[in-house]
Amino acid sequence: MGEGGRKVKYRVENIVAYANLDADIDLFNLALNMDNVEYEPEQFPGAIVRISDPPSTLLIFKNGKVICTGTRTEEGVRKALKRAVEEIREAVPELKLPDPDKISFQIENIVASASLENVKDIDLYMLAEMMDNVEYEPEQFPGAIIRMNEGNPTILLFKNGKLICAGAKSEKEIEEAIKKLEKMLEEVEGKQ
């Protein structure tokens, strides 16, 4: 909840998570036995596994490390990893993999979008001029890049008040970054 009980509104667009299956995986054998796998080692060292439910893509490496992307919730990550392990077990039964219900993962990045309420026309030039952590070069990119000091999130802010928040490792970080941005905008508006 925001100040005064106001909740920050945003939408998670993508979660990138990391897991380890603690197994050596023969990616060539995996690709031969699974339909939803792409493996071209001359282009990319991992196998690309596409899961339809929940819609997600998993990059699986020989050492058992996995990167899961495309889900919008932690539960989606959990389901995608479980589904992938079940499919791998079915395709390559001799492979010793962990219990699909007990695979732990770590969120590396959450990307979210939002639209600031009651904001119509932000002067991004002024914002970049007054704040040290703001870059704005409209010839290269139409939004201002705002690097938050605490934590990882970076916000891409557009003059119409729409934004993308990337680099957060939790939804709490997203909320805090957006609240901090709103406070920054109030300060800049107060100095005009």
C-alpha atoms as a PDB file:
ATOM      1  CA  MET A   1       0.000   0.000   0.000  1.00  0.00           C
ATOM      2  CA  GLY A   2       1.177   3.475  -0.744  1.00  0.00           C
ATOM      3  CA  GLU A   3       1.052   6.472   1.539  1.00  0.00           C
ATOM      4  CA  GLY A   4      -2.425   7.114   2.817  1.00  0.00           C
ATOM      5  CA  GLY A   5      -3.368   3.539   1.954  1.00  0.00           C
ATOM      6  CA  ARG A   6      -3.064   4.144  -1.812  1.00  0.00           C
ATOM      7  CA  LYS A   7      -1.899   1.064  -3.683  1.00  0.00           C
ATOM      8  CA  VAL A   8       0.550   1.528  -6.526  1.00  0.00           C
ATOM      9  CA  LYS A   9      -0.991   0.159  -9.726  1.00  0.00           C
ATOM     10  CA  TYR A  10       1.268  -1.711 -12.119  1.00  0.00           C
ATOM     11  CA  ARG A  11       1.223  -4.815 -14.272  1.00  0.00           C
ATOM     12  CA  VAL A  12       3.969  -7.438 -14.239  1.00  0.00           C
ATOM     13  CA  GLU A  13       4.920  -8.111 -17.863  1.00  0.00           C
ATOM     14  CA  ASN A  14       7.696 -10.667 -17.396  1.00  0.00           C
ATOM     15  CA  ILE A  15       9.643 -12.499 -14.710  1.00  0.00           C
ATOM     16  CA  VAL A  16      13.100 -13.942 -15.282  1.00  0.00           C
ATOM     17  CA  ALA A  17      14.077 -16.590 -12.756  1.00  0.00           C
ATOM     18  CA  TYR A  18      17.047 -18.879 -12.227  1.00  0.00           C
ATOM     19  CA  ALA A  19      16.978 -22.497 -11.009  1.00  0.00           C
ATOM     20  CA  ASN A  20      19.409 -25.393 -10.825  1.00  0.00           C
ATOM     21  CA  LEU A  21      18.369 -28.967 -11.599  1.00  0.00           C
ATOM     22  CA  ASP A  22      21.618 -30.356 -10.112  1.00  0.00           C
ATOM     23  CA  ALA A  23      22.189 -32.674 -13.066  1.00  0.00           C
ATOM     24  CA  ASP A  24      24.402 -32.979 -16.128  1.00  0.00           C
ATOM     25  CA  ILE A  25      22.052 -32.873 -19.090  1.00  0.00           C
ATOM     26  CA  ASP A  26      22.810 -34.239 -22.546  1.00  0.00           C
ATOM     27  CA  LEU A  27      21.182 -31.428 -24.523  1.00  0.00           C
ATOM     28  CA  PHE A  28      21.520 -33.242 -27.854  1.00  0.00           C
ATOM     29  CA  ASN A  29      19.641 -36.254 -26.432  1.00  0.00           C
ATOM     30  CA  LEU A  30      17.065 -33.912 -24.919  1.00  0.00           C
ATOM     31  CA  ALA A  31      16.448 -32.252 -28.291  1.00  0.00           C
ATOM     32  CA  LEU A  32      16.099 -35.648 -29.992  1.00  0.00           C
ATOM     33  CA  ASN A  33      13.467 -36.824 -27.524  1.00  0.00           C
ATOM     34  CA  MET A  34      11.367 -33.685 -26.953  1.00  0.00           C
ATOM     35  CA  ASP A  35       9.264 -31.908 -29.578  1.00  0.00           C
ATOM     36  CA  ASN A  36       9.271 -28.488 -27.922  1.00  0.00           C
ATOM     37  CA  VAL A  37      13.083 -28.119 -27.768  1.00  0.00           C
ATOM     38  CA  GLU A  38      15.410 -26.119 -29.986  1.00  0.00           C
ATOM     39  CA  TYR A  39      19.090 -26.906 -29.680  1.00  0.00           C
ATOM     40  CA  GLU A  40      21.646 -25.387 -32.011  1.00  0.00           C
ATOM     41  CA  PRO A  41      24.957 -25.346 -30.078  1.00  0.00           C
ATOM     42  CA  GLU A  42      26.752 -23.349 -32.782  1.00  0.00           C
ATOM     43  CA  GLN A  43      24.290 -20.489 -32.156  1.00  0.00           C
ATOM     44  CA  PHE A  44      23.546 -20.819 -28.419  1.00  0.00           C
ATOM     45  CA  PRO A  45      25.017 -23.131 -25.755  1.00  0.00           C
ATOM     46  CA  GLY A  46      21.685 -24.048 -24.174  1.00  0.00           C
ATOM     47  CA  ALA A  47      18.524 -25.843 -25.197  1.00  0.00           C
ATOM     48  CA  ILE A  48      15.437 -23.685 -25.600  1.00  0.00           C
ATOM     49  CA  VAL A  49      12.317 -25.337 -24.204  1.00  0.00           C
ATOM     50  CA  ARG A  50       8.950 -23.741 -24.865  1.00  0.00           C
ATOM     51  CA  ILE A  51       6.124 -24.539 -22.463  1.00  0.00           C
ATOM     52  CA  SER A  52       2.551 -23.693 -23.445  1.00  0.00           C
ATOM     53  CA  ASP A  53       0.957 -23.866 -19.990  1.00  0.00           C
ATOM     54  CA  PRO A  54       1.930 -21.530 -18.484  1.00  0.00           C
ATOM     55  CA  PRO A  55       3.321 -19.773 -21.566  1.00  0.00           C
ATOM     56  CA  SER A  56       7.049 -19.585 -20.918  1.00  0.00           C
ATOM     57  CA  THR A  57      10.487 -20.261 -22.315  1.00  0.00           C
ATOM     58  CA  LEU A  58      13.211 -22.082 -20.421  1.00  0.00           C
ATOM     59  CA  LEU A  59      16.876 -22.024 -21.313  1.00  0.00           C
ATOM     60  CA  ILE A  60      18.428 -25.253 -20.098  1.00  0.00           C
ATOM     61  CA  PHE A  61      22.187 -25.653 -19.944  1.00  0.00           C
ATOM     62  CA  LYS A  62      24.357 -28.780 -19.831  1.00  0.00           C
ATOM     63  CA  ASN A  63      25.278 -28.180 -16.172  1.00  0.00           C
ATOM     64  CA  GLY A  64      21.594 -28.246 -15.154  1.00  0.00           C
ATOM     65  CA  LYS A  65      21.178 -24.507 -14.758  1.00  0.00           C
ATOM     66  CA  VAL A  66      17.875 -23.134 -16.024  1.00  0.00           C
ATOM     67  CA  ILE A  67      16.645 -19.645 -16.855  1.00  0.00           C
ATOM     68  CA  CYS A  68      12.864 -19.312 -16.976  1.00  0.00           C
ATOM     69  CA  THR A  69      11.269 -16.337 -18.695  1.00  0.00           C
ATOM     70  CA  GLY A  70       7.847 -15.303 -19.905  1.00  0.00           C
ATOM     71  CA  THR A  71       5.702 -15.819 -16.817  1.00  0.00           C
ATOM     72  CA  ARG A  72       4.009 -13.000 -14.924  1.00  0.00           C
ATOM     73  CA  THR A  73       3.819 -14.534 -11.451  1.00  0.00           C
ATOM     74  CA  GLU A  74       6.011 -16.516  -9.082  1.00  0.00           C
ATOM     75  CA  GLU A  75       3.427 -19.285  -9.255  1.00  0.00           C
ATOM     76  CA  GLY A  76       3.824 -19.236 -13.045  1.00  0.00           C
ATOM     77  CA  VAL A  77       7.594 -19.729 -12.652  1.00  0.00           C
ATOM     78  CA  ARG A  78       6.957 -22.635 -10.279  1.00  0.00           C
ATOM     79  CA  LYS A  79       4.493 -24.256 -12.710  1.00  0.00           C
ATOM     80  CA  ALA A  80       6.783 -23.756 -15.733  1.00  0.00           C
ATOM     81  CA  LEU A  81       9.741 -25.349 -13.946  1.00  0.00           C
ATOM     82  CA  LYS A  82       7.587 -28.240 -12.744  1.00  0.00           C
ATOM     83  CA  ARG A  83       6.157 -28.783 -16.228  1.00  0.00           C
ATOM     84  CA  ALA A  84       9.618 -28.677 -17.837  1.00  0.00           C
ATOM     85  CA  VAL A  85      11.038 -31.216 -15.372  1.00  0.00           C
ATOM     86  CA  GLU A  86       8.059 -33.526 -15.930  1.00  0.00           C
ATOM     87  CA  GLU A  87       8.505 -33.308 -19.712  1.00  0.00           C
ATOM     88  CA  ILE A  88      12.272 -33.878 -19.470  1.00  0.00           C
ATOM     89  CA  ARG A  89      11.727 -36.915 -17.209  1.00  0.00           C
ATOM     90  CA  GLU A  90       9.264 -38.333 -19.714  1.00  0.00           C
ATOM     91  CA  ALA A  91      11.626 -37.770 -22.658  1.00  0.00           C
ATOM     92  CA  VAL A  92      14.823 -38.892 -20.908  1.00  0.00           C
ATOM     93  CA  PRO A  93      13.747 -41.199 -18.032  1.00  0.00           C
ATOM     94  CA  GLU A  94      17.317 -42.223 -17.094  1.00  0.00           C
ATOM     95  CA  LEU A  95      18.144 -38.625 -16.132  1.00  0.00           C
ATOM     96  CA  LYS A  96      18.105 -38.092 -12.356  1.00  0.00           C
ATOM     97  CA  LEU A  97      16.233 -34.861 -11.691  1.00  0.00           C
ATOM     98  CA  PRO A  98      14.893 -33.333  -8.457  1.00  0.00           C
ATOM     99  CA  ASP A  99      11.282 -33.679  -7.372  1.00  0.00           C
ATOM    100  CA  PRO A 100       9.427 -31.185  -9.628  1.00  0.00           C
ATOM    101  CA  ASP A 101       7.406 -29.907  -6.637  1.00  0.00           C
ATOM    102  CA  LYS A 102      10.566 -29.032  -4.695  1.00  0.00           C
ATOM    103  CA  ILE A 103      12.596 -27.061  -7.231  1.00  0.00           C
ATOM    104  CA  SER A 104      13.660 -23.760  -5.752  1.00  0.00           C
ATOM    105  CA  PHE A 105      14.307 -20.709  -7.886  1.00  0.00           C
ATOM    106  CA  GLN A 106      15.529 -17.182  -7.533  1.00  0.00           C
ATOM    107  CA  ILE A 107      13.967 -14.208  -9.286  1.00  0.00           C
ATOM    108  CA  GLU A 108      16.585 -12.245 -11.211  1.00  0.00           C
ATOM    109  CA  ASN A 109      14.413  -9.602 -12.873  1.00  0.00           C
ATOM    110  CA  ILE A 110      10.803  -8.464 -12.904  1.00  0.00           C
ATOM    111  CA  VAL A 111       9.632  -6.114 -15.643  1.00  0.00           C
ATOM    112  CA  ALA A 112       6.432  -4.171 -14.968  1.00  0.00           C
ATOM    113  CA  SER A 113       4.472  -1.421 -16.691  1.00  0.00           C
ATOM    114  CA  ALA A 114       2.387   1.319 -15.144  1.00  0.00           C
ATOM    115  CA  SER A 115       0.724   4.589 -15.918  1.00  0.00           C
ATOM    116  CA  LEU A 116       1.040   7.409 -13.408  1.00  0.00           C
ATOM    117  CA  GLU A 117      -2.350   8.722 -12.371  1.00  0.00           C
ATOM    118  CA  ASN A 118      -3.229  12.358 -13.165  1.00  0.00           C
ATOM    119  CA  VAL A 119      -0.078  12.837 -15.249  1.00  0.00           C
ATOM    120  CA  LYS A 120      -0.592  14.152 -18.754  1.00  0.00           C
ATOM    121  CA  ASP A 121       2.573  15.861 -19.928  1.00  0.00           C
ATOM    122  CA  ILE A 122       5.866  15.408 -18.089  1.00  0.00           C
ATOM    123  CA  ASP A 123       8.700  17.746 -19.033  1.00  0.00           C
ATOM    124  CA  LEU A 124      11.440  15.118 -19.342  1.00  0.00           C
ATOM    125  CA  TYR A 125      14.052  17.780 -20.210  1.00  0.00           C
ATOM    126  CA  MET A 126      13.333  19.572 -16.926  1.00  0.00           C
ATOM    127  CA  LEU A 127      13.397  16.291 -15.000  1.00  0.00           C
ATOM    128  CA  ALA A 128      16.815  15.378 -16.442  1.00  0.00           C
ATOM    129  CA  GLU A 129      18.092  18.882 -15.748  1.00  0.00           C
ATOM    130  CA  MET A 130      17.047  18.874 -12.102  1.00  0.00           C
ATOM    131  CA  MET A 131      17.820  15.261 -11.113  1.00  0.00           C
ATOM    132  CA  ASP A 132      21.240  13.584 -11.151  1.00  0.00           C
ATOM    133  CA  ASN A 133      19.915  10.078 -11.682  1.00  0.00           C
ATOM    134  CA  VAL A 134      17.920  10.892 -14.855  1.00  0.00           C
ATOM    135  CA  GLU A 135      19.156  10.578 -18.442  1.00  0.00           C
ATOM    136  CA  TYR A 136      17.103  11.924 -21.314  1.00  0.00           C
ATOM    137  CA  GLU A 137      18.316  11.933 -24.907  1.00  0.00           C
ATOM    138  CA  PRO A 138      15.215  11.967 -27.132  1.00  0.00           C
ATOM    139  CA  GLU A 139      17.316  11.524 -30.298  1.00  0.00           C
ATOM    140  CA  GLN A 140      18.288   8.076 -29.006  1.00  0.00           C
ATOM    141  CA  PHE A 141      15.250   7.011 -26.961  1.00  0.00           C
ATOM    142  CA  PRO A 142      11.872   8.726 -26.385  1.00  0.00           C
ATOM    143  CA  GLY A 143      11.812   8.146 -22.627  1.00  0.00           C
ATOM    144  CA  ALA A 144      13.854   9.264 -19.652  1.00  0.00           C
ATOM    145  CA  ILE A 145      15.999   6.609 -17.985  1.00  0.00           C
ATOM    146  CA  ILE A 146      15.808   6.911 -14.217  1.00  0.00           C
ATOM    147  CA  ARG A 147      18.234   4.855 -12.150  1.00  0.00           C
ATOM    148  CA  MET A 148      16.934   4.382  -8.642  1.00  0.00           C
ATOM    149  CA  ASN A 149      19.699   4.679  -6.025  1.00  0.00           C
ATOM    150  CA  GLU A 150      18.563   1.899  -3.711  1.00  0.00           C
ATOM    151  CA  GLY A 151      18.206  -1.546  -5.214  1.00  0.00           C
ATOM    152  CA  ASN A 152      18.275  -2.388  -8.870  1.00  0.00           C
ATOM    153  CA  PRO A 153      15.163  -1.012 -10.515  1.00  0.00           C
ATOM    154  CA  THR A 154      15.508   1.303 -13.460  1.00  0.00           C
ATOM    155  CA  ILE A 155      12.477   3.170 -14.728  1.00  0.00           C
ATOM    156  CA  LEU A 156      11.864   4.203 -18.310  1.00  0.00           C
ATOM    157  CA  LEU A 157       9.479   7.157 -18.069  1.00  0.00           C
ATOM    158  CA  PHE A 158       7.615   8.638 -21.020  1.00  0.00           C
ATOM    159  CA  LYS A 159       6.153  12.148 -21.209  1.00  0.00           C
ATOM    160  CA  ASN A 160       2.563  10.807 -21.110  1.00  0.00           C
ATOM    161  CA  GLY A 161       3.184   9.253 -17.662  1.00  0.00           C
ATOM    162  CA  LYS A 162       3.532   5.685 -18.852  1.00  0.00           C
ATOM    163  CA  LEU A 163       6.529   3.798 -17.507  1.00  0.00           C
ATOM    164  CA  ILE A 164       8.415   0.529 -17.545  1.00  0.00           C
ATOM    165  CA  CYS A 165      10.183  -0.643 -14.404  1.00  0.00           C
ATOM    166  CA  ALA A 166      12.947  -3.224 -14.936  1.00  0.00           C
ATOM    167  CA  GLY A 167      15.561  -4.839 -12.747  1.00  0.00           C
ATOM    168  CA  ALA A 168      13.423  -5.418  -9.662  1.00  0.00           C
ATOM    169  CA  LYS A 169      13.740  -8.706  -7.820  1.00  0.00           C
ATOM    170  CA  SER A 170      10.372  -8.438  -6.056  1.00  0.00           C
ATOM    171  CA  GLU A 171       7.042  -6.720  -6.508  1.00  0.00           C
ATOM    172  CA  LYS A 172       7.771  -4.740  -3.346  1.00  0.00           C
ATOM    173  CA  GLU A 173      10.800  -3.190  -5.123  1.00  0.00           C
ATOM    174  CA  ILE A 174       8.537  -2.203  -8.038  1.00  0.00           C
ATOM    175  CA  GLU A 175       6.065  -0.482  -5.709  1.00  0.00           C
ATOM    176  CA  GLU A 176       8.857   1.329  -3.851  1.00  0.00           C
ATOM    177  CA  ALA A 177      10.483   2.492  -7.105  1.00  0.00           C
ATOM    178  CA  ILE A 178       7.197   3.882  -8.462  1.00  0.00           C
ATOM    179  CA  LYS A 179       6.411   5.644  -5.166  1.00  0.00           C
ATOM    180  CA  LYS A 180       9.906   7.144  -5.161  1.00  0.00           C
ATOM    181  CA  LEU A 181       9.419   8.314  -8.761  1.00  0.00           C
ATOM    182  CA  GLU A 182       6.105   9.964  -7.852  1.00  0.00           C
ATOM    183  CA  LYS A 183       7.847  11.770  -4.981  1.00  0.00           C
ATOM    184  CA  MET A 184      10.650  12.903  -7.343  1.00  0.00           C
ATOM    185  CA  LEU A 185       8.086  14.286  -9.792  1.00  0.00           C
ATOM    186  CA  GLU A 186       6.319  16.181  -6.981  1.00  0.00           C
ATOM    187  CA  GLU A 187       9.671  17.714  -5.905  1.00  0.00           C
ATOM    188  CA  VAL A 188      10.500  18.797  -9.454  1.00  0.00           C
ATOM    189  CA  GLU A 189       7.010  20.245  -9.907  1.00  0.00           C
ATOM    190  CA  GLY A 190       7.430  22.168  -6.613  1.00  0.00           C
ATOM    191  CA  LYS A 191      10.709  23.697  -7.847  1.00  0.00           C
ATOM    192  CA  GLN A 192       9.275  24.989 -11.127  1.00  0.00           C
END
